[in-house]
C-alpha atoms as a PDB file:
ATOM      1  CA  UNK A   1       0.000   0.000   0.000  1.00  0.00           C
ATOM      2  CA  UNK A   2       1.430   3.382  -0.933  1.00  0.00           C
ATOM      3  CA  UNK A   3       1.795   6.221   1.547  1.00  0.00           C
ATOM      4  CA  UNK A   4      -1.014   8.306   0.018  1.00  0.00           C
ATOM      5  CA  UNK A   5      -3.411   5.359  -0.268  1.00  0.00           C
ATOM      6  CA  UNK A   6      -2.776   4.388   3.341  1.00  0.00           C
ATOM      7  CA  UNK A   7      -3.530   7.908   4.577  1.00  0.00           C
ATOM      8  CA  UNK A   8      -6.674   8.193   2.508  1.00  0.00           C
ATOM      9  CA  UNK A   9      -8.139   4.994   3.921  1.00  0.00           C
ATOM     10  CA  UNK A  10      -8.046   6.597   7.357  1.00  0.00           C
ATOM     11  CA  UNK A  11      -8.764  10.169   6.480  1.00  0.00           C
ATOM     12  CA  UNK A  12     -11.776   9.880   4.166  1.00  0.00           C
ATOM     13  CA  UNK A  13     -14.222   9.890   7.077  1.00  0.00           C
ATOM     14  CA  UNK A  14     -12.912  13.038   8.675  1.00  0.00           C
ATOM     15  CA  UNK A  15     -14.790  16.310   8.557  1.00  0.00           C
ATOM     16  CA  UNK A  16     -11.695  18.163   7.424  1.00  0.00           C
ATOM     17  CA  UNK A  17     -11.359  16.065   4.307  1.00  0.00           C
ATOM     18  CA  UNK A  18     -15.076  16.362   3.544  1.00  0.00           C
ATOM     19  CA  UNK A  19     -14.793  20.120   3.803  1.00  0.00           C
ATOM     20  CA  UNK A  20     -11.813  20.248   1.496  1.00  0.00           C
ATOM     21  CA  UNK A  21     -13.550  17.888  -0.900  1.00  0.00           C
ATOM     22  CA  UNK A  22     -16.593  20.161  -1.018  1.00  0.00           C
ATOM     23  CA  UNK A  23     -14.332  22.987  -2.083  1.00  0.00           C
ATOM     24  CA  UNK A  24     -12.774  20.855  -4.784  1.00  0.00           C
ATOM     25  CA  UNK A  25      -9.303  21.000  -3.178  1.00  0.00           C
ATOM     26  CA  UNK A  26      -6.993  18.044  -2.689  1.00  0.00           C
ATOM     27  CA  UNK A  27      -5.755  17.633   0.876  1.00  0.00           C
ATOM     28  CA  UNK A  28      -2.021  17.942   1.259  1.00  0.00           C
ATOM     29  CA  UNK A  29       0.043  15.021   2.464  1.00  0.00           C
ATOM     30  CA  UNK A  30       0.540  16.734   5.839  1.00  0.00           C
ATOM     31  CA  UNK A  31      -3.197  17.443   6.168  1.00  0.00           C
ATOM     32  CA  UNK A  32      -3.946  13.774   5.534  1.00  0.00           C
ATOM     33  CA  UNK A  33      -1.355  12.763   8.124  1.00  0.00           C
ATOM     34  CA  UNK A  34      -2.805  15.213  10.663  1.00  0.00           C
ATOM     35  CA  UNK A  35      -6.305  13.861  10.074  1.00  0.00           C
ATOM     36  CA  UNK A  36      -5.054  10.321  10.494  1.00  0.00           C
ATOM     37  CA  UNK A  37      -3.235  11.191  13.726  1.00  0.00           C
ATOM     38  CA  UNK A  38      -6.415  12.865  15.015  1.00  0.00           C
ATOM     39  CA  UNK A  39      -8.597   9.823  14.378  1.00  0.00           C
ATOM     40  CA  UNK A  40      -9.373   7.992  17.667  1.00  0.00           C
ATOM     41  CA  UNK A  41      -8.182   4.422  17.583  1.00  0.00           C
ATOM     42  CA  UNK A  42      -6.452   4.693  14.212  1.00  0.00           C
ATOM     43  CA  UNK A  43      -4.337   1.615  13.569  1.00  0.00           C
ATOM     44  CA  UNK A  44      -0.556   1.787  13.488  1.00  0.00           C
ATOM     45  CA  UNK A  45       0.831   1.543   9.977  1.00  0.00           C
ATOM     46  CA  UNK A  46       3.110  -1.194   8.697  1.00  0.00           C
ATOM     47  CA  UNK A  47       6.801  -0.874   9.365  1.00  0.00           C
ATOM     48  CA  UNK A  48       8.876   0.229  12.327  1.00  0.00           C
ATOM     49  CA  UNK A  49       8.385   3.724  13.714  1.00  0.00           C
ATOM     50  CA  UNK A  50      11.586   5.703  13.143  1.00  0.00           C
ATOM     51  CA  UNK A  51      12.444   7.770  16.219  1.00  0.00           C
ATOM     52  CA  UNK A  52      15.321  10.250  16.553  1.00  0.00           C
ATOM     53  CA  UNK A  53      15.967  10.961  20.219  1.00  0.00           C
ATOM     54  CA  UNK A  54      18.664  12.304  22.491  1.00  0.00           C
ATOM     55  CA  UNK A  55      17.136  11.252  25.840  1.00  0.00           C
ATOM     56  CA  UNK A  56      16.197   7.771  27.032  1.00  0.00           C
ATOM     57  CA  UNK A  57      17.165   5.743  23.941  1.00  0.00           C
ATOM     58  CA  UNK A  58      16.288   2.018  24.233  1.00  0.00           C
ATOM     59  CA  UNK A  59      14.662   2.576  27.649  1.00  0.00           C
ATOM     60  CA  UNK A  60      11.940   4.510  25.863  1.00  0.00           C
ATOM     61  CA  UNK A  61      11.706   2.517  22.650  1.00  0.00           C
ATOM     62  CA  UNK A  62      11.737  -0.938  24.262  1.00  0.00           C
ATOM     63  CA  UNK A  63       8.996  -0.056  26.762  1.00  0.00           C
ATOM     64  CA  UNK A  64       6.884   1.615  24.057  1.00  0.00           C
ATOM     65  CA  UNK A  65       7.062  -1.547  21.957  1.00  0.00           C
ATOM     66  CA  UNK A  66       6.270  -3.709  24.982  1.00  0.00           C
ATOM     67  CA  UNK A  67       3.220  -1.586  25.871  1.00  0.00           C
ATOM     68  CA  UNK A  68       1.820  -1.041  22.369  1.00  0.00           C
ATOM     69  CA  UNK A  69       3.264  -3.745  20.115  1.00  0.00           C
ATOM     70  CA  UNK A  70       4.564  -1.057  17.732  1.00  0.00           C
ATOM     71  CA  UNK A  71       8.123  -1.733  16.558  1.00  0.00           C
ATOM     72  CA  UNK A  72      10.662   1.076  16.478  1.00  0.00           C
ATOM     73  CA  UNK A  73      13.958   1.945  14.843  1.00  0.00           C
ATOM     74  CA  UNK A  74      15.809   4.567  16.854  1.00  0.00           C
ATOM     75  CA  UNK A  75      18.683   6.921  16.209  1.00  0.00           C
ATOM     76  CA  UNK A  76      20.054   7.577  19.704  1.00  0.00           C
ATOM     77  CA  UNK A  77      22.247  10.639  19.139  1.00  0.00           C
ATOM     78  CA  UNK A  78      23.315  13.901  20.703  1.00  0.00           C
ATOM     79  CA  UNK A  79      20.980  16.847  20.221  1.00  0.00           C
ATOM     80  CA  UNK A  80      23.286  18.636  17.807  1.00  0.00           C
ATOM     81  CA  UNK A  81      23.772  15.447  15.809  1.00  0.00           C
ATOM     82  CA  UNK A  82      20.009  14.981  15.512  1.00  0.00           C
ATOM     83  CA  UNK A  83      19.497  18.520  14.242  1.00  0.00           C
ATOM     84  CA  UNK A  84      22.316  18.084  11.727  1.00  0.00           C
ATOM     85  CA  UNK A  85      20.830  14.788  10.539  1.00  0.00           C
ATOM     86  CA  UNK A  86      17.350  16.264  10.148  1.00  0.00           C
ATOM     87  CA  UNK A  87      18.834  19.169   8.197  1.00  0.00           C
ATOM     88  CA  UNK A  88      20.750  16.796   5.929  1.00  0.00           C
ATOM     89  CA  UNK A  89      17.529  14.836   5.255  1.00  0.00           C
ATOM     90  CA  UNK A  90      15.421  17.943   4.617  1.00  0.00           C
ATOM     91  CA  UNK A  91      14.499  16.828   1.107  1.00  0.00           C
ATOM     92  CA  UNK A  92      13.953  13.190   2.079  1.00  0.00           C
ATOM     93  CA  UNK A  93      13.138  12.841   5.812  1.00  0.00           C
ATOM     94  CA  UNK A  94      13.906   9.436   7.248  1.00  0.00           C
ATOM     95  CA  UNK A  95      12.315   9.996  10.652  1.00  0.00           C
ATOM     96  CA  UNK A  96       8.761   9.895  12.063  1.00  0.00           C
ATOM     97  CA  UNK A  97       9.159  11.260  15.608  1.00  0.00           C
ATOM     98  CA  UNK A  98      11.843  13.328  17.315  1.00  0.00           C
ATOM     99  CA  UNK A  99      12.353  13.607  21.091  1.00  0.00           C
ATOM    100  CA  UNK A 100      14.772  16.434  21.813  1.00  0.00           C
ATOM    101  CA  UNK A 101      16.113  18.676  24.566  1.00  0.00           C
ATOM    102  CA  UNK A 102      15.669  22.191  23.213  1.00  0.00           C
ATOM    103  CA  UNK A 103      12.311  23.817  22.582  1.00  0.00           C
ATOM    104  CA  UNK A 104      13.885  26.605  20.548  1.00  0.00           C
ATOM    105  CA  UNK A 105      15.294  24.081  18.106  1.00  0.00           C
ATOM    106  CA  UNK A 106      11.921  22.309  17.903  1.00  0.00           C
ATOM    107  CA  UNK A 107      10.189  25.616  17.226  1.00  0.00           C
ATOM    108  CA  UNK A 108      12.773  26.277  14.518  1.00  0.00           C
ATOM    109  CA  UNK A 109      11.818  22.990  12.832  1.00  0.00           C
ATOM    110  CA  UNK A 110       8.166  24.023  13.135  1.00  0.00           C
ATOM    111  CA  UNK A 111       8.838  27.409  11.556  1.00  0.00           C
ATOM    112  CA  UNK A 112      10.440  25.646   8.579  1.00  0.00           C
ATOM    113  CA  UNK A 113       7.338  23.480   8.114  1.00  0.00           C
ATOM    114  CA  UNK A 114       9.105  20.259   9.066  1.00  0.00           C
ATOM    115  CA  UNK A 115       6.701  19.265  11.877  1.00  0.00           C
ATOM    116  CA  UNK A 116       3.139  17.939  11.715  1.00  0.00           C
ATOM    117  CA  UNK A 117       0.480  20.461  12.759  1.00  0.00           C
ATOM    118  CA  UNK A 118      -3.302  20.422  12.803  1.00  0.00           C
ATOM    119  CA  UNK A 119      -3.646  17.515  15.197  1.00  0.00           C
ATOM    120  CA  UNK A 120      -3.627  17.106  18.958  1.00  0.00           C
ATOM    121  CA  UNK A 121      -2.477  14.314  21.216  1.00  0.00           C
ATOM    122  CA  UNK A 122      -5.214  12.543  23.154  1.00  0.00           C
ATOM    123  CA  UNK A 123      -2.925  12.992  26.186  1.00  0.00           C
ATOM    124  CA  UNK A 124      -2.403  16.750  25.817  1.00  0.00           C
ATOM    125  CA  UNK A 125      -4.820  17.443  28.680  1.00  0.00           C
ATOM    126  CA  UNK A 126      -2.379  15.584  30.959  1.00  0.00           C
ATOM    127  CA  UNK A 127       0.015  18.551  30.715  1.00  0.00           C
ATOM    128  CA  UNK A 128       0.075  20.823  33.752  1.00  0.00           C
ATOM    129  CA  UNK A 129      -0.423  24.591  33.512  1.00  0.00           C
ATOM    130  CA  UNK A 130       3.260  25.277  32.807  1.00  0.00           C
ATOM    131  CA  UNK A 131       3.331  22.676  30.032  1.00  0.00           C
ATOM    132  CA  UNK A 132       0.089  24.010  28.544  1.00  0.00           C
ATOM    133  CA  UNK A 133       1.500  27.541  28.542  1.00  0.00           C
ATOM    134  CA  UNK A 134       4.636  26.457  26.674  1.00  0.00           C
ATOM    135  CA  UNK A 135       2.971  24.223  24.062  1.00  0.00           C
ATOM    136  CA  UNK A 136       2.451  25.993  20.722  1.00  0.00           C
ATOM    137  CA  UNK A 137      -1.169  26.455  19.684  1.00  0.00           C
ATOM    138  CA  UNK A 138      -0.729  24.440  16.489  1.00  0.00           C
ATOM    139  CA  UNK A 139       0.661  21.406  18.389  1.00  0.00           C
ATOM    140  CA  UNK A 140       3.723  21.348  16.136  1.00  0.00           C
ATOM    141  CA  UNK A 141       5.571  20.004  19.182  1.00  0.00           C
ATOM    142  CA  UNK A 142       4.534  19.224  22.725  1.00  0.00           C
ATOM    143  CA  UNK A 143       6.604  19.832  25.869  1.00  0.00           C
ATOM    144  CA  UNK A 144       7.396  16.893  28.132  1.00  0.00           C
ATOM    145  CA  UNK A 145       9.545  18.289  30.909  1.00  0.00           C
ATOM    146  CA  UNK A 146      12.147  20.844  31.955  1.00  0.00           C
ATOM    147  CA  UNK A 147      15.510  20.685  33.673  1.00  0.00           C
ATOM    148  CA  UNK A 148      18.472  22.952  34.242  1.00  0.00           C
ATOM    149  CA  UNK A 149      20.551  23.418  31.117  1.00  0.00           C
ATOM    150  CA  UNK A 150      23.277  24.648  33.432  1.00  0.00           C
ATOM    151  CA  UNK A 151      24.024  25.081  37.094  1.00  0.00           C
ATOM    152  CA  UNK A 152      27.243  26.570  38.463  1.00  0.00           C
ATOM    153  CA  UNK A 153      29.535  23.652  39.281  1.00  0.00           C
ATOM    154  CA  UNK A 154      32.981  23.910  40.838  1.00  0.00           C
ATOM    155  CA  UNK A 155      35.950  21.696  41.641  1.00  0.00           C
ATOM    156  CA  UNK A 156      36.087  21.278  45.421  1.00  0.00           C
ATOM    157  CA  UNK A 157      39.866  20.668  45.350  1.00  0.00           C
ATOM    158  CA  UNK A 158      40.317  24.157  43.934  1.00  0.00           C
ATOM    159  CA  UNK A 159      37.495  26.196  45.449  1.00  0.00           C
ATOM    160  CA  UNK A 160      36.016  26.050  48.933  1.00  0.00           C
ATOM    161  CA  UNK A 161      32.240  26.052  49.209  1.00  0.00           C
ATOM    162  CA  UNK A 162      32.335  29.417  50.973  1.00  0.00           C
ATOM    163  CA  UNK A 163      34.202  30.962  48.020  1.00  0.00           C
ATOM    164  CA  UNK A 164      32.101  29.372  45.260  1.00  0.00           C
ATOM    165  CA  UNK A 165      30.331  31.717  42.823  1.00  0.00           C
ATOM    166  CA  UNK A 166      26.628  32.109  43.517  1.00  0.00           C
ATOM    167  CA  UNK A 167      25.383  34.142  40.563  1.00  0.00           C
ATOM    168  CA  UNK A 168      26.052  34.143  36.844  1.00  0.00           C
ATOM    169  CA  UNK A 169      27.711  37.550  37.077  1.00  0.00           C
ATOM    170  CA  UNK A 170      30.167  36.085  39.587  1.00  0.00           C
ATOM    171  CA  UNK A 171      31.606  33.969  36.751  1.00  0.00           C
ATOM    172  CA  UNK A 172      33.092  37.082  35.134  1.00  0.00           C
ATOM    173  CA  UNK A 173      35.453  37.402  38.134  1.00  0.00           C
ATOM    174  CA  UNK A 174      38.952  36.447  36.844  1.00  0.00           C
ATOM    175  CA  UNK A 175      39.623  34.343  39.959  1.00  0.00           C
ATOM    176  CA  UNK A 176      37.206  31.717  38.579  1.00  0.00           C
ATOM    177  CA  UNK A 177      38.826  31.623  35.131  1.00  0.00           C
ATOM    178  CA  UNK A 178      38.855  29.753  32.896  1.00  0.00           C
ATOM    179  CA  UNK A 179      35.163  28.876  33.031  1.00  0.00           C
ATOM    180  CA  UNK A 180      34.073  25.777  31.121  1.00  0.00           C
ATOM    181  CA  UNK A 181      30.902  25.493  29.031  1.00  0.00           C
ATOM    182  CA  UNK A 182      29.508  23.329  26.242  1.00  0.00           C
ATOM    183  CA  UNK A 183      29.866  25.151  22.924  1.00  0.00           C
ATOM    184  CA  UNK A 184      26.444  26.594  22.064  1.00  0.00           C
ATOM    185  CA  UNK A 185      27.419  26.676  18.391  1.00  0.00           C
ATOM    186  CA  UNK A 186      27.501  22.850  18.245  1.00  0.00           C
ATOM    187  CA  UNK A 187      25.970  21.415  21.462  1.00  0.00           C
ATOM    188  CA  UNK A 188      22.160  21.554  21.336  1.00  0.00           C
ATOM    189  CA  UNK A 189      21.660  21.462  25.147  1.00  0.00           C
ATOM    190  CA  UNK A 190      23.958  24.500  25.504  1.00  0.00           C
ATOM    191  CA  UNK A 191      21.871  26.801  23.318  1.00  0.00           C
ATOM    192  CA  UNK A 192      19.076  27.214  25.925  1.00  0.00           C
ATOM    193  CA  UNK A 193      21.697  28.691  28.254  1.00  0.00           C
ATOM    194  CA  UNK A 194      22.877  31.449  25.971  1.00  0.00           C
ATOM    195  CA  UNK A 195      19.424  32.127  24.495  1.00  0.00           C
ATOM    196  CA  UNK A 196      18.220  32.979  28.004  1.00  0.00           C
ATOM    197  CA  UNK A 197      21.023  35.530  28.443  1.00  0.00           C
ATOM    198  CA  UNK A 198      20.239  37.077  25.057  1.00  0.00           C
ATOM    199  CA  UNK A 199      16.527  37.318  25.909  1.00  0.00           C
ATOM    200  CA  UNK A 200      17.096  38.598  29.449  1.00  0.00           C
ATOM    201  CA  UNK A 201      19.941  41.069  28.775  1.00  0.00           C
ATOM    202  CA  UNK A 202      19.429  41.907  25.131  1.00  0.00           C
ATOM    203  CA  UNK A 203      21.997  41.261  22.425  1.00  0.00           C
ATOM    204  CA  UNK A 204      24.448  43.937  23.568  1.00  0.00           C
ATOM    205  CA  UNK A 205      24.267  42.897  27.216  1.00  0.00           C
ATOM    206  CA  UNK A 206      24.642  39.197  26.438  1.00  0.00           C
ATOM    207  CA  UNK A 207      27.577  39.766  24.107  1.00  0.00           C
ATOM    208  CA  UNK A 208      29.257  41.876  26.786  1.00  0.00           C
ATOM    209  CA  UNK A 209      28.694  39.121  29.353  1.00  0.00           C
ATOM    210  CA  UNK A 210      30.049  36.283  27.244  1.00  0.00           C
ATOM    211  CA  UNK A 211      32.743  38.592  25.894  1.00  0.00           C
ATOM    212  CA  UNK A 212      33.959  39.093  29.471  1.00  0.00           C
ATOM    213  CA  UNK A 213      34.106  35.314  29.988  1.00  0.00           C
ATOM    214  CA  UNK A 214      36.018  34.924  26.734  1.00  0.00           C
ATOM    215  CA  UNK A 215      38.526  37.610  27.711  1.00  0.00           C
ATOM    216  CA  UNK A 216      39.191  35.542  30.839  1.00  0.00           C
ATOM    217  CA  UNK A 217      39.877  32.466  28.680  1.00  0.00           C
ATOM    218  CA  UNK A 218      36.476  30.724  28.410  1.00  0.00           C
ATOM    219  CA  UNK A 219      36.950  27.029  27.576  1.00  0.00           C
ATOM    220  CA  UNK A 220      34.291  25.520  25.304  1.00  0.00           C
ATOM    221  CA  UNK A 221      33.713  21.806  24.710  1.00  0.00           C
ATOM    222  CA  UNK A 222      31.580  19.931  22.156  1.00  0.00           C
ATOM    223  CA  UNK A 223      29.248  18.390  24.770  1.00  0.00           C
ATOM    224  CA  UNK A 224      28.402  18.554  28.475  1.00  0.00           C
ATOM    225  CA  UNK A 225      30.250  15.293  29.153  1.00  0.00           C
ATOM    226  CA  UNK A 226      33.684  16.724  28.299  1.00  0.00           C
ATOM    227  CA  UNK A 227      32.850  19.854  30.311  1.00  0.00           C
ATOM    228  CA  UNK A 228      32.283  17.676  33.363  1.00  0.00           C
ATOM    229  CA  UNK A 229      35.512  15.777  32.765  1.00  0.00           C
ATOM    230  CA  UNK A 230      37.456  19.040  32.521  1.00  0.00           C
ATOM    231  CA  UNK A 231      35.868  20.202  35.775  1.00  0.00           C
ATOM    232  CA  UNK A 232      36.600  16.957  37.603  1.00  0.00           C
ATOM    233  CA  UNK A 233      40.241  16.998  36.482  1.00  0.00           C
ATOM    234  CA  UNK A 234      40.738  20.618  37.494  1.00  0.00           C
ATOM    235  CA  UNK A 235      41.341  21.760  33.917  1.00  0.00           C
ATOM    236  CA  UNK A 236      38.663  24.364  34.677  1.00  0.00           C
ATOM    237  CA  UNK A 237      37.814  25.334  38.273  1.00  0.00           C
ATOM    238  CA  UNK A 238      34.236  26.366  37.490  1.00  0.00           C
ATOM    239  CA  UNK A 239      31.803  25.344  34.778  1.00  0.00           C
ATOM    240  CA  UNK A 240      28.259  25.853  33.587  1.00  0.00           C
ATOM    241  CA  UNK A 241      27.087  22.243  33.307  1.00  0.00           C
ATOM    242  CA  UNK A 242      23.748  20.551  32.656  1.00  0.00           C
ATOM    243  CA  UNK A 243      22.441  19.428  36.042  1.00  0.00           C
ATOM    244  CA  UNK A 244      22.307  15.700  35.198  1.00  0.00           C
ATOM    245  CA  UNK A 245      26.027  15.690  34.449  1.00  0.00           C
ATOM    246  CA  UNK A 246      26.771  17.239  37.835  1.00  0.00           C
ATOM    247  CA  UNK A 247      24.830  14.584  39.784  1.00  0.00           C
ATOM    248  CA  UNK A 248      26.712  11.918  37.808  1.00  0.00           C
ATOM    249  CA  UNK A 249      30.080  13.414  38.777  1.00  0.00           C
ATOM    250  CA  UNK A 250      29.087  13.639  42.437  1.00  0.00           C
ATOM    251  CA  UNK A 251      27.844  10.031  42.453  1.00  0.00           C
ATOM    252  CA  UNK A 252      31.150   8.937  40.880  1.00  0.00           C
ATOM    253  CA  UNK A 253      33.068  10.496  43.756  1.00  0.00           C
ATOM    254  CA  UNK A 254      34.663  13.264  41.713  1.00  0.00           C
ATOM    255  CA  UNK A 255      35.642  16.452  43.571  1.00  0.00           C
ATOM    256  CA  UNK A 256      32.654  18.391  42.292  1.00  0.00           C
ATOM    257  CA  UNK A 257      29.814  20.298  43.904  1.00  0.00           C
ATOM    258  CA  UNK A 258      27.376  22.833  42.555  1.00  0.00           C
ATOM    259  CA  UNK A 259      25.341  25.931  43.279  1.00  0.00           C
ATOM    260  CA  UNK A 260      21.848  26.495  41.984  1.00  0.00           C
ATOM    261  CA  UNK A 261      22.321  30.174  41.115  1.00  0.00           C
ATOM    262  CA  UNK A 262      20.445  32.689  43.224  1.00  0.00           C
ATOM    263  CA  UNK A 263      19.167  34.296  40.024  1.00  0.00           C
ATOM    264  CA  UNK A 264      17.919  30.952  38.669  1.00  0.00           C
ATOM    265  CA  UNK A 265      19.208  28.356  36.235  1.00  0.00           C
ATOM    266  CA  UNK A 266      18.507  28.585  32.492  1.00  0.00           C
ATOM    267  CA  UNK A 267      16.223  25.687  31.712  1.00  0.00           C
ATOM    268  CA  UNK A 268      15.850  23.420  28.740  1.00  0.00           C
ATOM    269  CA  UNK A 269      12.476  22.073  27.692  1.00  0.00           C
ATOM    270  CA  UNK A 270      12.314  18.505  26.424  1.00  0.00           C
ATOM    271  CA  UNK A 271       9.743  18.073  23.693  1.00  0.00           C
ATOM    272  CA  UNK A 272       8.339  15.603  21.189  1.00  0.00           C
ATOM    273  CA  UNK A 273       7.212  16.220  17.612  1.00  0.00           C
ATOM    274  CA  UNK A 274       6.035  14.311  14.545  1.00  0.00           C
ATOM    275  CA  UNK A 275       7.551  14.793  11.100  1.00  0.00           C
ATOM    276  CA  UNK A 276       5.326  16.589   8.593  1.00  0.00           C
ATOM    277  CA  UNK A 277       6.328  13.905   6.091  1.00  0.00           C
ATOM    278  CA  UNK A 278       5.746  10.860   8.240  1.00  0.00           C
ATOM    279  CA  UNK A 279       4.184   7.879   6.475  1.00  0.00           C
ATOM    280  CA  UNK A 280       3.157   6.542   9.912  1.00  0.00           C
ATOM    281  CA  UNK A 281       0.988   9.243  11.548  1.00  0.00           C
ATOM    282  CA  UNK A 282      -1.083   6.808  13.610  1.00  0.00           C
ATOM    283  CA  UNK A 283       1.939   5.029  15.068  1.00  0.00           C
ATOM    284  CA  UNK A 284       3.629   8.398  15.674  1.00  0.00           C
ATOM    285  CA  UNK A 285       0.555   9.757  17.477  1.00  0.00           C
ATOM    286  CA  UNK A 286       0.440   6.580  19.557  1.00  0.00           C
ATOM    287  CA  UNK A 287       3.993   7.291  20.749  1.00  0.00           C
ATOM    288  CA  UNK A 288       3.145  10.868  21.741  1.00  0.00           C
ATOM    289  CA  UNK A 289      -0.074   9.759  23.483  1.00  0.00           C
ATOM    290  CA  UNK A 290       1.878   7.074  25.366  1.00  0.00           C
ATOM    291  CA  UNK A 291       4.684   9.448  26.288  1.00  0.00           C
ATOM    292  CA  UNK A 292       2.412  12.071  27.869  1.00  0.00           C
ATOM    293  CA  UNK A 293       0.967   9.779  30.539  1.00  0.00           C
ATOM    294  CA  UNK A 294       1.999   9.725  34.220  1.00  0.00           C
ATOM    295  CA  UNK A 295       2.703   5.983  34.015  1.00  0.00           C
ATOM    296  CA  UNK A 296       5.183   6.430  31.159  1.00  0.00           C
ATOM    297  CA  UNK A 297       6.821   9.497  32.657  1.00  0.00           C
ATOM    298  CA  UNK A 298       7.212   7.791  36.020  1.00  0.00           C
ATOM    299  CA  UNK A 299       8.786   4.765  34.314  1.00  0.00           C
ATOM    300  CA  UNK A 300      11.207   6.876  32.257  1.00  0.00           C
ATOM    301  CA  UNK A 301      12.218   8.915  35.296  1.00  0.00           C
ATOM    302  CA  UNK A 302      12.873   5.791  37.364  1.00  0.00           C
ATOM    303  CA  UNK A 303      14.686   3.790  34.690  1.00  0.00           C
ATOM    304  CA  UNK A 304      16.134   6.543  32.505  1.00  0.00           C
ATOM    305  CA  UNK A 305      19.210   7.178  34.692  1.00  0.00           C
ATOM    306  CA  UNK A 306      20.429  10.751  34.129  1.00  0.00           C
ATOM    307  CA  UNK A 307      17.811  11.336  31.438  1.00  0.00           C
ATOM    308  CA  UNK A 308      15.173  10.836  34.128  1.00  0.00           C
ATOM    309  CA  UNK A 309      16.315  13.764  36.260  1.00  0.00           C
ATOM    310  CA  UNK A 310      13.797  16.418  35.339  1.00  0.00           C
ATOM    311  CA  UNK A 311      10.645  18.252  36.288  1.00  0.00           C
ATOM    312  CA  UNK A 312       7.793  16.585  34.392  1.00  0.00           C
ATOM    313  CA  UNK A 313       4.939  18.560  32.874  1.00  0.00           C
ATOM    314  CA  UNK A 314       2.677  15.479  33.019  1.00  0.00           C
ATOM    315  CA  UNK A 315       0.281  15.743  35.946  1.00  0.00           C
ATOM    316  CA  UNK A 316       0.355  12.880  38.426  1.00  0.00           C
ATOM    317  CA  UNK A 317       3.872  11.664  37.614  1.00  0.00           C
ATOM    318  CA  UNK A 318       5.711   9.915  40.460  1.00  0.00           C
ATOM    319  CA  UNK A 319       8.880  11.964  41.057  1.00  0.00           C
ATOM    320  CA  UNK A 320      10.257   9.947  43.982  1.00  0.00           C
ATOM    321  CA  UNK A 321      13.213   8.753  41.875  1.00  0.00           C
ATOM    322  CA  UNK A 322      14.794  12.230  41.742  1.00  0.00           C
ATOM    323  CA  UNK A 323      18.184  12.531  43.482  1.00  0.00           C
ATOM    324  CA  UNK A 324      18.282  14.017  46.953  1.00  0.00           C
ATOM    325  CA  UNK A 325      20.821  16.631  45.835  1.00  0.00           C
ATOM    326  CA  UNK A 326      18.289  18.208  43.485  1.00  0.00           C
ATOM    327  CA  UNK A 327      16.743  21.270  45.164  1.00  0.00           C
ATOM    328  CA  UNK A 328      12.970  21.361  45.305  1.00  0.00           C
ATOM    329  CA  UNK A 329      11.271  24.325  43.639  1.00  0.00           C
ATOM    330  CA  UNK A 330      14.612  25.755  42.464  1.00  0.00           C
ATOM    331  CA  UNK A 331      14.014  28.526  39.914  1.00  0.00           C
ATOM    332  CA  UNK A 332      14.284  27.576  36.237  1.00  0.00           C
ATOM    333  CA  UNK A 333      14.508  30.291  33.586  1.00  0.00           C
ATOM    334  CA  UNK A 334      12.833  29.235  30.346  1.00  0.00           C
ATOM    335  CA  UNK A 335      13.480  31.203  27.169  1.00  0.00           C
ATOM    336  CA  UNK A 336      10.452  31.951  25.018  1.00  0.00           C
ATOM    337  CA  UNK A 337      10.421  29.259  22.326  1.00  0.00           C
ATOM    338  CA  UNK A 338       9.735  31.637  19.431  1.00  0.00           C
ATOM    339  CA  UNK A 339      12.504  34.009  20.562  1.00  0.00           C
ATOM    340  CA  UNK A 340      14.930  31.086  20.813  1.00  0.00           C
ATOM    341  CA  UNK A 341      13.977  29.866  17.349  1.00  0.00           C
ATOM    342  CA  UNK A 342      14.155  33.306  15.728  1.00  0.00           C
ATOM    343  CA  UNK A 343      17.563  34.109  17.223  1.00  0.00           C
ATOM    344  CA  UNK A 344      19.185  30.657  16.990  1.00  0.00           C
ATOM    345  CA  UNK A 345      21.176  31.101  13.791  1.00  0.00           C
ATOM    346  CA  UNK A 346      22.392  34.602  14.695  1.00  0.00           C
ATOM    347  CA  UNK A 347      23.424  33.669  18.240  1.00  0.00           C
ATOM    348  CA  UNK A 348      25.195  30.460  17.173  1.00  0.00           C
ATOM    349  CA  UNK A 349      26.974  32.333  14.381  1.00  0.00           C
ATOM    350  CA  UNK A 350      28.190  34.896  16.904  1.00  0.00           C
ATOM    351  CA  UNK A 351      29.677  32.178  19.115  1.00  0.00           C
ATOM    352  CA  UNK A 352      31.192  30.379  16.139  1.00  0.00           C
ATOM    353  CA  UNK A 353      32.805  33.607  14.966  1.00  0.00           C
ATOM    354  CA  UNK A 354      34.207  34.316  18.418  1.00  0.00           C
ATOM    355  CA  UNK A 355      35.787  30.867  18.619  1.00  0.00           C
ATOM    356  CA  UNK A 356      37.827  31.338  15.435  1.00  0.00           C
ATOM    357  CA  UNK A 357      39.343  34.666  16.482  1.00  0.00           C
END
């Protein structure tokens, strides 16, 4: 059965298609997919669901298959690698669903028409007020959770707790140099950090702030993992590191501790989206519906190791698996998704240009 024939078998009964038919217009492929995904109880299509994801990996895909019987093929990659792969496949997408840390990047995909709109997950009402307020109106992507894209971590062999920096402005003090950070030009989880500074301080203020860090010898790394290793070894005394990486270092016995900044920690939103070109809209919708349930979120938090350390947006999720070191109700600073998407290329270009000077 061809892609178009398969969609039509599901979509012919929908009001949207009848309306378009009355006007003499042919529904687009994306409109047919959206109608199919909307249809209650629509059957999963033939073939494995292709999922690109940077959190959870087989923990997510294996449990989804066990619960629903829908087979998956996953690409378990870093966030930046996923975005690069999607960009490379722009003319021939090979993915059905993406699960990604970085709502700005997801909104960027939506703005380029690469995500399925015009449908809604049957589990969307499970989102709490914060999740509902972040979700775009067209359901191009749906938020799952939030966590700190960076806290201020320090090497305890180099800095005493009493002398540790407590605010982001403290990091410009030369006594903490060189500061370590994942390179926002290439590391997807690092972009939510800098996008917050650009939104909060404006372009000039943010460039002055990061310019001051660079003048002190800012060390950038391709991912958060290498940042943590540099911190643990003392290569950098202080670093802005994703919170999950910090808990991992502490659990491993490395000389690392952290401060949740008094002015809050820039947060990253984890979201899920369906490709506008998916040939498997029903199976893709089934994954999103399954993901946004308290049972699934509780399972992924308990069994997802570091990927499970987060604040879920799904109401009723059991959060008892969170580490004791994680502060309760610590402030998270979330950049507006549209601002992050609109400024992404310009901000990343600025960092890339600074690194080659």
